[in-house]
């Protein structure tokens, strides 16, 4: 997600949240002081050895209790999500259901996360075993706050780590309630939640007792976390910004392709890590595709209660990128204007005549904006899609198997999707590239990230051999 104005707790001591749908005040949360953050880390460090010594089966039992508690609080959490971020109730419930499933998944995977037997001397035993890192600092975003947080938290906990969680300052009430639900199940000190903005995150990550940092958010914040954590030897995993391309090949149904593009660009008001950010359409079908995409955008804009952006600061960022691109020659076929009225709404927007060098092509917009570039052929579209410094995901709509294989081979991203902008089998785990981050952030492989691996060699005493 893009860099946006954050709350710096060196300047303010409280966070006031407004509902992005109507501008009403949701509430106010106190920011944690540096000393409070240090105390949370110290408590987590003191609790870690006993937590790891419980064993994976007991930790799994407690995770299942957390999943049960999340299910009981689903309506409350969904409503907090709606009020603080503008996410629809339906989507909020979907994120909570995903979180519950993920917690149960790691409760099942943790006890069978095994080492490997190694081939050595016939009278020796050689194998690997996993150990916890220690204290995990987990910093999560606002766009899917329950699902993302619980994926990282549950993987860290089942691996024997204790957790200090900093939720986004854009949904602090939700973050605190989520932490309370977990903490009521867990032993004292095993998990705590700290509230605040950039300063709180920096104090947390910079603490030398933190040995693992997991972050989902902007590339700028991710780089800062990486440098601060690595400075004292912490293991850092991060899923950061993306500028995901969509290639629309000739030979596909332009109406269907436009529906896929609209879903990828406008779902959750474009505020999904793997949203479609750049569209490269083959000239042969471009006219019909663009016409259908405009119709899709106007359908979204005609909905009774379209989803707003998370707040007005973010809306200013999105509109600035759109305006700069229009000034550089892009044409707004629909949308592109800040609406009157309260809240932080922004219309689904289709831009034509886009090209590299424009902000909507080179940067992550993270809003309901579909920038369209017309390519002369598939090779040009693929070359444009390969450009840039991000490497999160990419989608290709094509009926040509050769083009499919070429795209899979040449697109240097964590996830390549063919003929579907969202979706995938359970357990798929990818490593982002470039400014999009590093390490496995989900799936079974996340347990490897949350653990250290030791090799054990046992030989007979006294050098006995037979």
Protein backbone atom coordinates (compact mmCIF):
# COMPACT_ATOMS: atom_id res chain seq x y z
CA UNK A 1 0.00 0.00 0.00
CA UNK A 2 1.20 3.55 -0.65
CA UNK A 3 2.80 5.93 1.78
CA UNK A 4 0.22 8.11 3.48
CA UNK A 5 0.14 10.58 6.33
CA UNK A 6 0.69 8.70 9.59
CA UNK A 7 0.14 9.72 13.16
CA UNK A 8 3.40 10.47 14.94
CA UNK A 9 3.10 9.90 18.66
CA UNK A 10 6.04 12.24 19.30
CA UNK A 11 3.56 14.99 18.42
CA UNK A 12 0.14 13.70 19.58
CA UNK A 13 -0.85 11.49 22.49
CA UNK A 14 -4.27 10.41 21.19
CA UNK A 15 -5.78 9.16 17.95
CA UNK A 16 -9.24 10.34 16.92
CA UNK A 17 -10.98 8.18 14.31
CA UNK A 18 -13.75 9.44 12.04
CA UNK A 19 -16.10 7.19 10.12
CA UNK A 20 -15.04 7.56 6.46
CA UNK A 21 -18.60 7.02 5.27
CA UNK A 22 -20.18 10.02 7.00
CA UNK A 23 -17.43 11.85 8.91
CA UNK A 24 -18.88 11.12 12.34
CA UNK A 25 -16.48 10.52 15.23
CA UNK A 26 -15.94 6.86 16.09
CA UNK A 27 -13.83 7.50 19.18
CA UNK A 28 -10.46 8.36 20.61
CA UNK A 29 -7.59 6.06 21.63
CA UNK A 30 -4.55 6.92 23.73
CA UNK A 31 -1.17 6.32 22.09
CA UNK A 32 1.31 4.22 24.02
CA UNK A 33 4.42 5.92 25.32
CA UNK A 34 7.90 4.56 24.54
CA UNK A 35 8.17 3.29 28.11
CA UNK A 36 4.86 1.41 27.73
CA UNK A 37 6.11 -0.22 24.53
CA UNK A 38 9.37 -1.23 26.22
CA UNK A 39 7.39 -2.70 29.12
CA UNK A 40 5.25 -4.77 26.73
CA UNK A 41 8.36 -6.18 25.06
CA UNK A 42 9.95 -6.97 28.43
CA UNK A 43 6.81 -8.79 29.54
CA UNK A 44 6.75 -10.78 26.29
CA UNK A 45 10.42 -11.70 26.70
CA UNK A 46 9.81 -12.88 30.29
CA UNK A 47 6.88 -15.07 29.19
CA UNK A 48 8.49 -16.58 26.09
CA UNK A 49 10.39 -19.55 27.55
CA UNK A 50 7.37 -20.87 29.44
CA UNK A 51 5.15 -20.35 26.39
CA UNK A 52 7.49 -22.36 24.16
CA UNK A 53 7.82 -25.05 26.84
CA UNK A 54 4.04 -25.64 26.78
CA UNK A 55 4.50 -27.61 23.56
CA UNK A 56 2.77 -27.29 20.21
CA UNK A 57 -0.31 -29.31 21.14
CA UNK A 58 -1.20 -27.10 24.09
CA UNK A 59 -0.51 -23.96 22.09
CA UNK A 60 -2.79 -25.34 19.37
CA UNK A 61 -5.56 -25.93 21.91
CA UNK A 62 -5.38 -22.30 22.99
CA UNK A 63 -5.40 -21.10 19.39
CA UNK A 64 -8.63 -23.03 18.84
CA UNK A 65 -10.13 -21.22 21.83
CA UNK A 66 -9.10 -17.92 20.22
CA UNK A 67 -10.84 -18.97 17.01
CA UNK A 68 -14.00 -19.74 19.01
CA UNK A 69 -13.79 -16.34 20.73
CA UNK A 70 -13.38 -14.56 17.38
CA UNK A 71 -16.48 -16.32 16.07
CA UNK A 72 -18.47 -15.17 19.12
CA UNK A 73 -17.28 -11.57 18.63
CA UNK A 74 -17.66 -11.53 14.84
CA UNK A 75 -20.54 -9.05 14.73
CA UNK A 76 -18.77 -6.64 17.07
CA UNK A 77 -15.48 -6.83 15.16
CA UNK A 78 -17.19 -6.41 11.79
CA UNK A 79 -19.01 -3.31 13.00
CA UNK A 80 -15.79 -1.78 14.34
CA UNK A 81 -14.12 -2.51 11.00
CA UNK A 82 -16.95 -0.84 9.12
CA UNK A 83 -16.90 2.24 11.33
CA UNK A 84 -13.13 2.76 11.32
CA UNK A 85 -12.14 1.82 7.74
CA UNK A 86 -15.34 2.06 5.69
CA UNK A 87 -15.13 -1.60 4.67
CA UNK A 88 -18.60 -3.04 4.06
CA UNK A 89 -20.15 -5.25 6.73
CA UNK A 90 -20.24 -8.15 4.29
CA UNK A 91 -16.54 -7.83 3.48
CA UNK A 92 -15.71 -7.26 7.15
CA UNK A 93 -17.44 -10.50 8.08
CA UNK A 94 -15.57 -12.21 5.25
CA UNK A 95 -12.25 -11.04 6.69
CA UNK A 96 -13.19 -12.32 10.14
CA UNK A 97 -14.22 -15.69 8.75
CA UNK A 98 -10.89 -15.85 6.93
CA UNK A 99 -9.11 -15.01 10.19
CA UNK A 100 -10.94 -17.78 12.06
CA UNK A 101 -10.04 -20.29 9.37
CA UNK A 102 -6.40 -19.18 9.40
CA UNK A 103 -6.13 -19.51 13.19
CA UNK A 104 -7.52 -23.05 13.00
CA UNK A 105 -5.19 -23.84 10.10
CA UNK A 106 -2.10 -22.92 12.08
CA UNK A 107 -3.45 -24.77 15.13
CA UNK A 108 -3.44 -27.88 12.93
CA UNK A 109 -0.18 -27.20 11.09
CA UNK A 110 1.88 -26.20 14.13
CA UNK A 111 2.02 -29.60 15.88
CA UNK A 112 3.08 -31.33 12.63
CA UNK A 113 5.68 -28.74 11.66
CA UNK A 114 8.52 -31.21 11.77
CA UNK A 115 12.25 -31.25 11.17
CA UNK A 116 14.09 -33.58 8.80
CA UNK A 117 16.07 -36.73 9.34
CA UNK A 118 19.53 -36.42 7.82
CA UNK A 119 21.66 -39.19 6.33
CA UNK A 120 24.85 -39.58 8.38
CA UNK A 121 26.98 -42.26 9.98
CA UNK A 122 25.02 -45.46 10.65
CA UNK A 123 25.68 -45.26 14.40
CA UNK A 124 24.93 -41.54 14.65
CA UNK A 125 21.66 -39.65 14.67
CA UNK A 126 21.37 -36.49 12.58
CA UNK A 127 18.25 -34.39 12.31
CA UNK A 128 16.92 -30.83 12.33
CA UNK A 129 14.58 -29.23 14.83
CA UNK A 130 12.66 -25.98 14.96
CA UNK A 131 12.83 -23.42 17.73
CA UNK A 132 11.04 -20.13 18.29
CA UNK A 133 12.82 -16.87 17.51
CA UNK A 134 11.63 -15.30 20.78
CA UNK A 135 9.63 -12.06 20.85
CA UNK A 136 7.79 -11.20 17.61
CA UNK A 137 6.87 -7.61 16.72
CA UNK A 138 3.89 -7.78 14.37
CA UNK A 139 2.79 -4.59 12.56
CA UNK A 140 -0.36 -4.85 10.48
CA UNK A 141 -2.45 -2.65 8.12
CA UNK A 142 -6.01 -1.36 8.02
CA UNK A 143 -7.28 -2.69 4.70
CA UNK A 144 -7.98 -6.25 5.95
CA UNK A 145 -7.08 -5.79 9.59
CA UNK A 146 -8.43 -8.95 11.23
CA UNK A 147 -7.44 -11.55 8.65
CA UNK A 148 -3.91 -10.24 8.12
CA UNK A 149 -3.23 -9.72 11.82
CA UNK A 150 -4.48 -13.13 12.89
CA UNK A 151 -2.54 -14.92 10.17
CA UNK A 152 0.75 -13.51 11.41
CA UNK A 153 -0.14 -13.66 15.11
CA UNK A 154 -1.32 -17.26 15.07
CA UNK A 155 1.70 -18.46 13.07
CA UNK A 156 4.02 -16.70 15.52
CA UNK A 157 2.24 -18.07 18.60
CA UNK A 158 2.01 -21.69 17.44
CA UNK A 159 5.76 -21.59 16.74
CA UNK A 160 6.46 -20.67 20.37
CA UNK A 161 7.05 -16.95 19.95
CA UNK A 162 5.41 -14.36 22.15
CA UNK A 163 3.84 -11.38 20.37
CA UNK A 164 3.63 -7.60 20.67
CA UNK A 165 1.14 -6.42 18.04
CA UNK A 166 0.84 -2.88 16.68
CA UNK A 167 -2.32 -2.57 14.58
CA UNK A 168 -2.73 0.30 12.15
CA UNK A 169 -3.41 3.68 13.68
CA UNK A 170 -6.36 3.87 11.27
CA UNK A 171 -8.27 1.13 13.13
CA UNK A 172 -7.03 1.30 16.74
CA UNK A 173 -10.36 0.42 18.40
CA UNK A 174 -10.56 -2.75 16.30
CA UNK A 175 -6.92 -3.57 17.03
CA UNK A 176 -7.35 -3.19 20.78
CA UNK A 177 -10.51 -5.32 20.83
CA UNK A 178 -8.82 -8.01 18.76
CA UNK A 179 -5.90 -8.04 21.18
CA UNK A 180 -8.23 -8.24 24.16
CA UNK A 181 -9.95 -11.30 22.71
CA UNK A 182 -6.61 -13.07 22.26
CA UNK A 183 -5.16 -11.98 25.58
CA UNK A 184 -8.16 -13.30 27.52
CA UNK A 185 -7.30 -16.82 26.30
CA UNK A 186 -3.50 -16.71 26.53
CA UNK A 187 -1.20 -16.78 29.59
CA UNK A 188 -0.04 -13.39 30.87
CA UNK A 189 2.57 -11.68 28.71
CA UNK A 190 2.23 -14.02 25.73
CA UNK A 191 0.50 -11.35 23.63
CA UNK A 192 -0.04 -7.63 24.04
CA UNK A 193 -1.24 -4.78 21.84
CA UNK A 194 0.32 -1.33 21.57
CA UNK A 195 -1.43 1.65 19.97
CA UNK A 196 0.04 4.55 18.03
CA UNK A 197 1.65 5.58 14.81
CA UNK A 198 5.12 5.68 13.33
CA UNK A 199 6.97 6.42 16.55
CA UNK A 200 5.42 3.52 18.42
CA UNK A 201 6.34 1.14 15.61
CA UNK A 202 9.91 2.38 15.58
CA UNK A 203 10.33 1.91 19.33
CA UNK A 204 8.88 -1.59 19.06
CA UNK A 205 11.00 -2.75 16.13
CA UNK A 206 14.16 -1.14 17.51
CA UNK A 207 13.96 -2.97 20.82
CA UNK A 208 16.88 -5.41 21.00
CA UNK A 209 14.74 -8.03 22.73
CA UNK A 210 12.63 -8.30 19.57
CA UNK A 211 14.06 -11.11 17.46
CA UNK A 212 11.37 -11.35 14.77
CA UNK A 213 9.53 -8.59 12.86
CA UNK A 214 6.57 -9.25 10.57
CA UNK A 215 5.06 -6.36 8.65
CA UNK A 216 2.33 -5.80 6.08
CA UNK A 217 2.04 -2.22 4.82
CA UNK A 218 3.77 0.39 2.69
CA UNK A 219 7.17 -0.17 1.11
CA UNK A 220 8.59 2.89 2.84
CA UNK A 221 7.53 1.64 6.27
CA UNK A 222 8.71 -1.85 5.39
CA UNK A 223 12.18 -0.64 4.48
CA UNK A 224 12.41 1.34 7.72
CA UNK A 225 11.35 -1.73 9.71
CA UNK A 226 13.83 -3.91 7.85
CA UNK A 227 16.74 -1.57 8.58
CA UNK A 228 15.82 -1.07 12.23
CA UNK A 229 15.22 -4.75 12.87
CA UNK A 230 18.29 -5.95 11.00
CA UNK A 231 20.44 -3.49 12.95
CA UNK A 232 20.12 -5.70 16.03
CA UNK A 233 19.83 -9.05 14.24
CA UNK A 234 16.05 -9.51 14.10
CA UNK A 235 14.61 -11.69 11.35
CA UNK A 236 12.29 -9.55 9.18
CA UNK A 237 9.50 -10.70 6.88
CA UNK A 238 7.35 -8.20 5.02
CA UNK A 239 4.66 -7.91 2.40
CA UNK A 240 4.71 -4.34 1.14
CA UNK A 241 3.36 -2.23 -1.67
CA UNK A 242 2.47 -3.47 -5.11
CA UNK A 243 1.84 -2.02 -8.54
CA UNK A 244 0.16 -5.08 -9.99
CA UNK A 245 -0.31 -5.19 -13.77
CA UNK A 246 -3.20 -6.73 -15.69
CA UNK A 247 -2.52 -7.85 -19.27
CA UNK A 248 -5.57 -8.20 -21.51
CA UNK A 249 -4.64 -10.24 -24.59
CA UNK A 250 -6.39 -10.31 -27.94
CA UNK A 251 -8.79 -13.20 -28.41
CA UNK A 252 -10.54 -12.87 -25.04
CA UNK A 253 -14.10 -11.65 -24.53
CA UNK A 254 -13.73 -7.90 -23.86
CA UNK A 255 -16.89 -7.81 -21.71
CA UNK A 256 -15.57 -10.59 -19.45
CA UNK A 257 -12.12 -8.96 -19.38
CA UNK A 258 -13.69 -5.65 -18.32
CA UNK A 259 -15.54 -7.40 -15.48
CA UNK A 260 -12.26 -8.90 -14.28
CA UNK A 261 -10.51 -5.53 -14.54
CA UNK A 262 -13.31 -3.80 -12.63
CA UNK A 263 -13.22 -6.41 -9.87
CA UNK A 264 -9.45 -6.07 -9.57
CA UNK A 265 -9.48 -2.28 -9.64
CA UNK A 266 -12.58 -1.36 -7.65
CA UNK A 267 -13.12 -4.11 -5.03
CA UNK A 268 -12.70 -2.70 -1.49
CA UNK A 269 -12.42 0.70 -3.20
CA UNK A 270 -9.12 -0.44 -4.71
CA UNK A 271 -7.59 -0.88 -1.26
CA UNK A 272 -6.30 -4.45 -1.58
CA UNK A 273 -2.60 -5.31 -1.63
CA UNK A 274 -3.08 -7.23 -4.88
CA UNK A 275 -5.51 -4.81 -6.54
CA UNK A 276 -5.08 -4.21 -10.25
CA UNK A 277 -3.02 -1.02 -10.53
CA UNK A 278 -2.06 -0.95 -14.25
CA UNK A 279 -3.95 -2.31 -17.28
CA UNK A 280 -2.25 -3.14 -20.59
CA UNK A 281 -4.83 -4.07 -23.22
CA UNK A 282 -4.16 -5.34 -26.76
CA UNK A 283 -5.19 -2.77 -29.34
CA UNK A 284 -7.35 -5.32 -31.22
CA UNK A 285 -9.95 -5.39 -28.44
CA UNK A 286 -9.18 -2.11 -26.70
CA UNK A 287 -12.21 -0.14 -27.88
CA UNK A 288 -14.77 -2.71 -26.73
CA UNK A 289 -12.82 -3.39 -23.51
CA UNK A 290 -12.59 0.26 -22.51
CA UNK A 291 -16.27 0.87 -23.26
CA UNK A 292 -17.25 -2.11 -21.09
CA UNK A 293 -14.87 -1.04 -18.29
CA UNK A 294 -16.40 2.44 -18.21
CA UNK A 295 -19.83 0.85 -17.91
CA UNK A 296 -18.60 -1.27 -14.99
CA UNK A 297 -17.19 1.79 -13.24
CA UNK A 298 -20.43 3.71 -13.71
CA UNK A 299 -22.37 0.77 -12.29
CA UNK A 300 -20.17 0.87 -9.17
CA UNK A 301 -20.63 4.64 -8.89
CA UNK A 302 -24.38 4.24 -9.18
CA UNK A 303 -24.64 1.94 -6.17
CA UNK A 304 -26.73 3.21 -3.26
CA UNK A 305 -23.86 3.33 -0.76
CA UNK A 306 -20.48 2.96 -2.49
CA UNK A 307 -17.57 2.15 -0.21
CA UNK A 308 -15.42 5.14 0.79
CA UNK A 309 -11.66 5.28 1.03
CA UNK A 310 -10.25 4.83 4.52
CA UNK A 311 -9.99 8.57 5.26
CA UNK A 312 -9.64 11.98 3.66
CA UNK A 313 -5.86 11.98 3.89
CA UNK A 314 -5.76 8.91 1.72
CA UNK A 315 -8.35 10.39 -0.65
CA UNK A 316 -6.11 13.42 -1.13
CA UNK A 317 -3.25 11.11 -2.05
CA UNK A 318 -5.34 9.16 -4.57
CA UNK A 319 -6.80 12.27 -6.18
CA UNK A 320 -3.39 13.92 -6.41
CA UNK A 321 -2.01 10.95 -8.38
CA UNK A 322 -5.04 11.01 -10.69
CA UNK A 323 -4.87 14.78 -11.23
CA UNK A 324 -1.14 14.75 -11.96
CA UNK A 325 -1.66 12.01 -14.54
CA UNK A 326 -4.53 13.87 -16.21
CA UNK A 327 -2.35 16.96 -16.37
CA UNK A 328 0.31 14.79 -18.03
CA UNK A 329 -2.11 13.69 -20.76
CA UNK A 330 -4.32 10.93 -19.37
CA UNK A 331 -8.06 11.20 -20.07
CA UNK A 332 -10.61 10.57 -17.32
CA UNK A 333 -13.45 8.73 -19.07
CA UNK A 334 -15.43 8.50 -15.84
CA UNK A 335 -14.76 9.52 -12.24
CA UNK A 336 -11.62 11.41 -11.29
CA UNK A 337 -13.41 14.08 -9.24
CA UNK A 338 -13.75 14.47 -5.48
CA UNK A 339 -17.47 14.31 -4.66
CA UNK A 340 -19.29 16.74 -2.42
CA UNK A 341 -20.56 15.67 0.97
CA UNK A 342 -19.17 14.13 4.15
CA UNK A 343 -16.82 11.20 4.42
CA UNK A 344 -13.98 10.06 2.17
CA UNK A 345 -15.73 8.75 -0.94
CA UNK A 346 -13.99 8.64 -4.31
CA UNK A 347 -15.58 7.42 -7.54
CA UNK A 348 -14.50 4.42 -9.55
CA UNK A 349 -12.29 6.04 -12.18
CA UNK A 350 -11.15 4.92 -15.64
CA UNK A 351 -8.19 6.70 -17.21
CA UNK A 352 -7.24 6.25 -20.87
CA UNK A 353 -4.06 7.31 -22.62
CA UNK A 354 -1.85 6.36 -19.71
CA UNK A 355 1.84 5.66 -20.18
CA UNK A 356 4.97 5.01 -18.13
CA UNK A 357 6.12 8.13 -16.35
CA UNK A 358 2.62 9.02 -15.16
CA UNK A 359 2.04 8.67 -11.40
CA UNK A 360 -0.89 6.26 -11.86
CA UNK A 361 1.40 3.91 -13.79
CA UNK A 362 4.62 4.24 -11.85
CA UNK A 363 3.19 4.37 -8.32
CA UNK A 364 0.75 2.35 -6.23
CA UNK A 365 -2.50 4.34 -6.17
CA UNK A 366 -4.38 2.08 -3.74
CA UNK A 367 -7.73 3.48 -4.75
CA UNK A 368 -10.59 2.72 -7.20
CA UNK A 369 -8.62 3.77 -10.27
CA UNK A 370 -8.17 1.79 -13.49
CA UNK A 371 -5.35 3.29 -15.63
CA UNK A 372 -5.41 1.86 -19.16
CA UNK A 373 -2.49 1.64 -21.60
CA UNK A 374 -3.07 0.33 -25.12
CA UNK A 375 -0.38 -2.10 -26.33
CA UNK A 376 0.24 -2.99 -29.96
CA UNK A 377 0.76 -6.68 -29.16
CA UNK A 378 1.26 -9.15 -26.32
CA UNK A 379 5.02 -8.70 -26.31
CA UNK A 380 4.71 -4.97 -25.72
CA UNK A 381 2.12 -5.52 -22.97
CA UNK A 382 4.37 -8.05 -21.25
CA UNK A 383 7.34 -5.72 -21.45
CA UNK A 384 5.32 -2.90 -19.88
CA UNK A 385 4.05 -5.23 -17.16
CA UNK A 386 7.60 -6.29 -16.31
CA UNK A 387 8.74 -2.71 -15.74
CA UNK A 388 8.94 -1.06 -12.34
CA UNK A 389 10.42 -1.78 -8.94
CA UNK A 390 7.54 -3.74 -7.38
CA UNK A 391 7.00 -7.48 -7.51
CA UNK A 392 3.87 -8.52 -5.64
CA UNK A 393 1.49 -10.05 -8.21
CA UNK A 394 0.33 -9.89 -11.83
CA UNK A 395 -2.67 -11.12 -13.82
CA UNK A 396 -2.90 -12.18 -17.46
CA UNK A 397 -6.19 -12.69 -19.34
CA UNK A 398 -5.44 -14.83 -22.39
CA UNK A 399 -6.62 -17.88 -24.32
CA UNK A 400 -3.14 -18.44 -25.80
CA UNK A 401 -1.18 -21.18 -23.98
CA UNK A 402 2.09 -19.91 -25.38
CA UNK A 403 1.42 -16.45 -23.99
CA UNK A 404 0.47 -18.02 -20.65
CA UNK A 405 3.77 -19.89 -20.38
CA UNK A 406 5.74 -16.86 -21.54
CA UNK A 407 4.11 -14.67 -18.88
CA UNK A 408 4.68 -17.22 -16.11
CA UNK A 409 8.33 -17.44 -17.09
CA UNK A 410 9.05 -13.74 -17.43
CA UNK A 411 6.91 -11.96 -14.85
CA UNK A 412 9.13 -11.51 -11.79
CA UNK A 413 6.43 -11.36 -9.13
CA UNK A 414 5.37 -13.42 -6.16
CA UNK A 415 2.03 -14.50 -7.65
CA UNK A 416 1.06 -14.92 -11.32
CA UNK A 417 -2.68 -15.28 -11.94
CA UNK A 418 -4.03 -16.47 -15.28
CA UNK A 419 -7.62 -15.59 -16.22
CA UNK A 420 -8.73 -14.67 -12.68
CA UNK A 421 -7.75 -11.50 -10.81
CA UNK A 422 -8.48 -12.95 -7.36
CA UNK A 423 -8.45 -16.54 -6.17
CA UNK A 424 -6.12 -19.46 -5.64
CA UNK A 425 -5.87 -22.75 -3.78
CA UNK A 426 -5.52 -22.81 0.02
CA UNK A 427 -1.94 -22.99 1.25
CA UNK A 428 -0.39 -21.15 -1.68
CA UNK A 429 2.50 -19.13 -0.31
CA UNK A 430 4.54 -16.68 -2.34
CA UNK A 431 7.61 -14.52 -1.84
CA UNK A 432 7.27 -10.93 -3.07
CA UNK A 433 10.17 -9.26 -4.85
CA UNK A 434 11.75 -5.84 -5.02
CA UNK A 435 9.97 -3.07 -3.15
CA UNK A 436 7.08 -5.45 -2.47
CA UNK A 437 8.93 -7.16 0.36
CA UNK A 438 10.64 -10.45 1.17
CA UNK A 439 9.94 -13.78 2.82
CA UNK A 440 6.83 -15.97 3.01
CA UNK A 441 4.00 -14.05 4.64
CA UNK A 442 1.32 -16.74 4.73
CA UNK A 443 0.71 -20.45 4.09
CA UNK A 444 2.60 -23.38 5.64
CA UNK A 445 5.93 -21.76 4.79
CA UNK A 446 5.17 -18.95 7.22
CA UNK A 447 5.91 -21.43 10.02
CA UNK A 448 9.46 -21.71 8.67
CA UNK A 449 9.79 -17.91 8.80
CA UNK A 450 8.51 -17.91 12.38
CA UNK A 451 11.08 -20.50 13.50
CA UNK A 452 14.81 -21.03 13.58
CA UNK A 453 16.23 -24.36 12.42
CA UNK A 454 19.01 -26.19 14.23
CA UNK A 455 20.93 -29.26 13.05
CA UNK A 456 21.47 -31.92 15.72
CA UNK A 457 24.25 -34.55 15.51
CA UNK A 458 24.45 -37.33 18.11
CA UNK A 459 27.38 -39.78 18.07
CA UNK A 460 28.30 -42.64 20.46
CA UNK A 461 30.37 -41.67 23.50
CA UNK A 462 34.07 -42.50 23.44
CA UNK A 463 34.20 -42.81 19.68
CA UNK A 464 32.73 -46.35 19.77
CA UNK A 465 32.22 -47.88 16.35
CA UNK A 466 31.13 -51.32 15.18
